[in-house]
Amino acid sequence: MKLAACPSPNSDSRDGTAIDMLVFHYTGMRTGEEALARLCDPAAKVSAHYTIDRDGSVYAHVPEDRRAWHAGVSFWAGERNVNARSIGIELVNPGHEFGYVPFAEDQIASLIALSHDILARHPIPAGCVVGHSDVAPARKTDPGELFPWRRLAAEGIGVWPDRRAKTASDDLNFAAGLARYGYGVPPAVDWPLGDTVKAFQRHFRPSRIDGVADSECAALLQALLTK
């Protein structure tokens, strides 16, 4: 893992908030150079702690003890100030707007190494390793359906449902189950439940993202809740 300093002025104090989340993003810009410039531009008022380019190079923008500005309006596990609680990692990818492509192998190798380092420094539960779309489903789709969540979980980064669970119990309330896992659902948030269901599908059932909480989604959610 190659690490280079690329400091961003866009940060502030965590005000004593403990770090208990790791949030993955894609840059959603045409090139890595454009993304790095924006993350370090004071006028943009956005940043992350790290960016990983497609060749595996890692750029450090904001010290981990500072709050980077990466999550925006967001919600997870009852908390709205996700920036204060989290470390944000951007992965260079043009995203859905500019031609979404699979993440590069060198890029994911560096992500795994960097995530292991972060998890060794901070007590982040597996269920709090999330994507931008998980915490802001009405606004964001990153890191997207091509992100290798299952592979990361196999490396001890995040969680993946046990697919031996084929069906959910009849008494599973899907919206309540999403909230138990950490997702924002009405009335705690002001976006439609369908947006949250899409975020869940994008993370755990990327083969079909339709916002419909079907039996397969219910089984996956129950498997996650039993972990």
Protein backbone atom coordinates (compact mmCIF):
# COMPACT_ATOMS: atom_id res chain seq x y z
CA MET A 1 0.00 0.00 0.00
CA LYS A 2 1.55 3.27 -1.19
CA LEU A 3 0.61 6.25 1.01
CA ALA A 4 1.08 9.87 -0.05
CA ALA A 5 0.22 13.11 1.74
CA CYS A 6 -2.44 15.19 -0.02
CA PRO A 7 -3.78 17.42 2.77
CA SER A 8 -7.22 18.98 2.61
CA PRO A 9 -8.18 22.11 4.56
CA ASN A 10 -11.76 20.88 4.75
CA SER A 11 -12.10 19.47 8.26
CA ASP A 12 -12.99 20.46 11.79
CA SER A 13 -13.07 19.07 15.32
CA ARG A 14 -14.88 15.87 16.22
CA ASP A 15 -15.79 17.55 19.53
CA GLY A 16 -14.88 14.45 21.47
CA THR A 17 -17.10 12.07 19.47
CA ALA A 18 -15.67 8.55 19.37
CA ILE A 19 -14.99 6.94 15.98
CA ASP A 20 -17.28 3.95 15.46
CA MET A 21 -18.02 3.98 11.72
CA LEU A 22 -16.16 3.43 8.45
CA VAL A 23 -17.85 4.83 5.33
CA PHE A 24 -16.88 3.92 1.76
CA HIS A 25 -17.54 6.18 -1.24
CA TYR A 26 -16.69 6.42 -4.89
CA THR A 27 -15.44 9.76 -6.17
CA GLY A 28 -17.99 10.03 -9.00
CA MET A 29 -15.73 12.21 -11.13
CA ARG A 30 -14.16 11.66 -14.53
CA THR A 31 -10.57 11.29 -13.27
CA GLY A 32 -8.65 10.78 -10.07
CA GLU A 33 -6.92 14.09 -10.58
CA GLU A 34 -10.25 15.93 -10.66
CA ALA A 35 -11.35 14.14 -7.52
CA LEU A 36 -8.19 14.95 -5.58
CA ALA A 37 -8.40 18.59 -6.61
CA ARG A 38 -12.00 18.85 -5.42
CA LEU A 39 -11.35 17.11 -2.11
CA CYS A 40 -8.55 19.61 -1.41
CA ASP A 41 -10.36 22.73 -2.65
CA PRO A 42 -11.51 24.94 0.25
CA ALA A 43 -14.35 26.29 -1.90
CA ALA A 44 -15.77 22.78 -2.40
CA LYS A 45 -16.25 22.21 1.36
CA VAL A 46 -15.93 18.45 0.97
CA SER A 47 -13.21 16.04 2.00
CA ALA A 48 -12.45 12.50 3.11
CA HIS A 49 -9.76 11.01 5.26
CA TYR A 50 -8.32 8.99 2.38
CA THR A 51 -8.65 8.49 -1.37
CA ILE A 52 -7.53 5.31 -3.13
CA ASP A 53 -6.64 5.60 -6.81
CA ARG A 54 -7.10 2.79 -9.29
CA ASP A 55 -3.41 1.85 -9.18
CA GLY A 56 -3.66 1.31 -5.42
CA SER A 57 -2.06 4.60 -4.39
CA VAL A 58 -3.51 5.96 -1.16
CA TYR A 59 -3.77 9.70 -0.51
CA ALA A 60 -4.17 10.96 3.05
CA HIS A 61 -6.27 14.13 3.27
CA VAL A 62 -7.50 14.62 6.84
CA PRO A 63 -6.01 13.23 10.07
CA GLU A 64 -8.21 10.57 11.61
CA ASP A 65 -8.70 12.60 14.79
CA ARG A 66 -10.37 15.35 12.72
CA ARG A 67 -13.85 15.32 11.20
CA ALA A 68 -13.79 15.13 7.42
CA TRP A 69 -16.79 16.32 5.40
CA HIS A 70 -17.80 13.28 3.39
CA ALA A 71 -21.21 11.98 4.49
CA GLY A 72 -23.36 15.12 4.39
CA VAL A 73 -26.99 14.80 5.49
CA SER A 74 -27.04 11.24 6.77
CA PHE A 75 -28.32 8.78 9.37
CA TRP A 76 -27.11 5.55 10.91
CA ALA A 77 -28.09 3.71 14.07
CA GLY A 78 -30.09 6.63 15.38
CA GLU A 79 -27.38 9.23 14.82
CA ARG A 80 -27.36 12.02 12.23
CA ASN A 81 -23.82 13.38 12.61
CA VAL A 82 -22.14 10.56 10.70
CA ASN A 83 -19.13 12.72 9.88
CA ALA A 84 -18.28 13.14 13.56
CA ARG A 85 -18.39 9.38 14.14
CA SER A 86 -16.71 8.09 11.02
CA ILE A 87 -13.66 7.73 8.85
CA GLY A 88 -14.39 8.26 5.16
CA ILE A 89 -12.57 6.56 2.29
CA GLU A 90 -13.06 7.58 -1.35
CA LEU A 91 -12.29 5.19 -4.21
CA VAL A 92 -11.56 6.67 -7.61
CA ASN A 93 -14.37 5.60 -9.94
CA PRO A 94 -16.37 7.69 -12.41
CA GLY A 95 -19.56 6.41 -10.83
CA HIS A 96 -23.02 6.14 -12.30
CA GLU A 97 -22.93 9.62 -13.82
CA PHE A 98 -19.74 9.21 -15.85
CA GLY A 99 -19.59 5.50 -16.67
CA TYR A 100 -19.52 3.24 -13.62
CA VAL A 101 -16.86 0.53 -13.87
CA PRO A 102 -15.67 -2.31 -11.63
CA PHE A 103 -13.15 -1.32 -9.00
CA ALA A 104 -9.55 -2.20 -9.84
CA GLU A 105 -7.80 -5.11 -8.15
CA ASP A 106 -4.90 -2.97 -6.88
CA GLN A 107 -7.42 -0.49 -5.53
CA ILE A 108 -9.31 -3.11 -3.55
CA ALA A 109 -6.08 -4.62 -2.24
CA SER A 110 -5.11 -1.22 -0.86
CA LEU A 111 -8.61 -0.73 0.55
CA ILE A 112 -8.35 -4.01 2.44
CA ALA A 113 -4.93 -3.10 3.85
CA LEU A 114 -6.01 0.42 4.82
CA SER A 115 -9.25 -0.81 6.38
CA HIS A 116 -7.37 -3.36 8.46
CA ASP A 117 -5.11 -0.58 9.73
CA ILE A 118 -8.11 1.60 10.62
CA LEU A 119 -9.98 -1.22 12.34
CA ALA A 120 -6.89 -1.99 14.41
CA ARG A 121 -6.87 1.62 15.65
CA HIS A 122 -10.58 2.10 16.26
CA PRO A 123 -13.30 -0.15 17.76
CA ILE A 124 -15.64 -0.10 14.75
CA PRO A 125 -18.35 -2.80 14.80
CA ALA A 126 -18.74 -4.84 11.62
CA GLY A 127 -22.27 -3.52 11.18
CA CYS A 128 -20.94 0.04 11.10
CA VAL A 129 -18.79 -0.54 8.02
CA VAL A 130 -21.13 0.97 5.45
CA GLY A 131 -21.44 2.73 2.12
CA HIS A 132 -22.46 6.31 1.48
CA SER A 133 -25.75 5.05 0.07
CA ASP A 134 -26.47 3.20 3.33
CA VAL A 135 -26.34 6.40 5.37
CA ALA A 136 -27.80 8.75 2.73
CA PRO A 137 -30.05 6.58 0.55
CA ALA A 138 -32.21 9.40 -0.80
CA ARG A 139 -29.17 11.24 -2.19
CA LYS A 140 -26.41 8.76 -2.91
CA THR A 141 -25.78 5.48 -4.72
CA ASP A 142 -22.07 5.05 -3.96
CA PRO A 143 -19.99 2.97 -3.73
CA GLY A 144 -22.58 1.12 -5.79
CA GLU A 145 -23.62 -2.37 -6.78
CA LEU A 146 -20.15 -3.29 -8.14
CA PHE A 147 -18.47 -2.74 -4.79
CA PRO A 148 -17.12 -6.08 -3.42
CA TRP A 149 -18.86 -6.13 -0.03
CA ARG A 150 -18.81 -9.91 0.20
CA ARG A 151 -15.07 -10.07 -0.42
CA LEU A 152 -14.39 -7.42 2.20
CA ALA A 153 -16.52 -9.25 4.75
CA ALA A 154 -14.47 -12.40 4.09
CA GLU A 155 -11.41 -10.29 4.97
CA GLY A 156 -12.98 -9.24 8.27
CA ILE A 157 -14.19 -5.85 7.01
CA GLY A 158 -17.93 -5.42 7.46
CA VAL A 159 -20.53 -8.19 7.44
CA TRP A 160 -22.22 -10.39 4.86
CA PRO A 161 -25.44 -12.40 5.41
CA ASP A 162 -25.32 -16.17 5.73
CA ARG A 163 -27.19 -17.36 2.64
CA ARG A 164 -28.16 -20.63 4.33
CA ALA A 165 -31.15 -18.65 5.59
CA LYS A 166 -33.60 -19.08 2.68
CA THR A 167 -36.71 -17.57 4.25
CA ALA A 168 -37.58 -15.08 6.94
CA SER A 169 -39.91 -15.69 9.84
CA ASP A 170 -43.48 -14.58 9.32
CA ASP A 171 -43.24 -12.03 12.12
CA LEU A 172 -40.33 -10.07 10.59
CA ASN A 173 -41.34 -6.45 10.03
CA PHE A 174 -38.97 -5.37 7.27
CA ALA A 175 -38.94 -1.65 8.09
CA ALA A 176 -38.42 -2.35 11.78
CA GLY A 177 -35.66 -4.81 10.92
CA LEU A 178 -33.89 -2.22 8.77
CA ALA A 179 -34.01 0.21 11.69
CA ARG A 180 -32.64 -2.45 14.05
CA TYR A 181 -29.72 -3.01 11.72
CA GLY A 182 -28.97 0.73 11.53
CA TYR A 183 -30.78 2.08 8.48
CA GLY A 184 -32.92 5.18 8.61
CA VAL A 185 -36.63 4.56 8.03
CA PRO A 186 -39.65 6.86 8.38
CA PRO A 187 -40.63 8.57 10.61
CA ALA A 188 -37.05 8.87 11.93
CA VAL A 189 -35.97 10.18 8.49
CA ASP A 190 -37.78 12.22 5.87
CA TRP A 191 -37.03 10.04 2.83
CA PRO A 192 -39.27 7.22 1.51
CA LEU A 193 -38.84 3.69 2.81
CA GLY A 194 -38.27 2.55 -0.78
CA ASP A 195 -35.04 4.54 -0.95
CA THR A 196 -33.74 2.73 2.11
CA VAL A 197 -34.77 -0.63 0.65
CA LYS A 198 -32.80 0.20 -2.51
CA ALA A 199 -29.73 1.02 -0.40
CA PHE A 200 -30.07 -2.31 1.39
CA GLN A 201 -30.36 -4.11 -1.96
CA ARG A 202 -27.42 -2.21 -3.44
CA HIS A 203 -25.29 -3.44 -0.52
CA PHE A 204 -26.62 -6.96 0.08
CA ARG A 205 -28.62 -7.99 -3.04
CA PRO A 206 -27.10 -6.05 -5.97
CA SER A 207 -28.59 -8.33 -8.63
CA ARG A 208 -31.93 -6.51 -8.38
CA ILE A 209 -32.35 -2.99 -7.02
CA ASP A 210 -36.05 -2.15 -7.22
CA GLY A 211 -37.00 -0.87 -3.77
CA VAL A 212 -39.34 -3.83 -3.18
CA ALA A 213 -38.84 -5.68 0.09
CA ASP A 214 -39.39 -9.18 -1.28
CA SER A 215 -38.89 -12.53 0.44
CA GLU A 216 -35.23 -12.75 -0.56
CA CYS A 217 -34.51 -9.36 1.01
CA ALA A 218 -36.38 -10.40 4.13
CA ALA A 219 -34.28 -13.56 4.45
CA LEU A 220 -31.05 -11.60 3.97
CA LEU A 221 -32.08 -9.04 6.58
CA GLN A 222 -33.02 -11.72 9.08
CA ALA A 223 -29.64 -13.39 8.51
CA LEU A 224 -27.90 -10.09 9.22
CA LEU A 225 -29.91 -9.50 12.37
CA THR A 226 -29.05 -12.95 13.70
CA LYS A 227 -25.32 -12.21 13.33
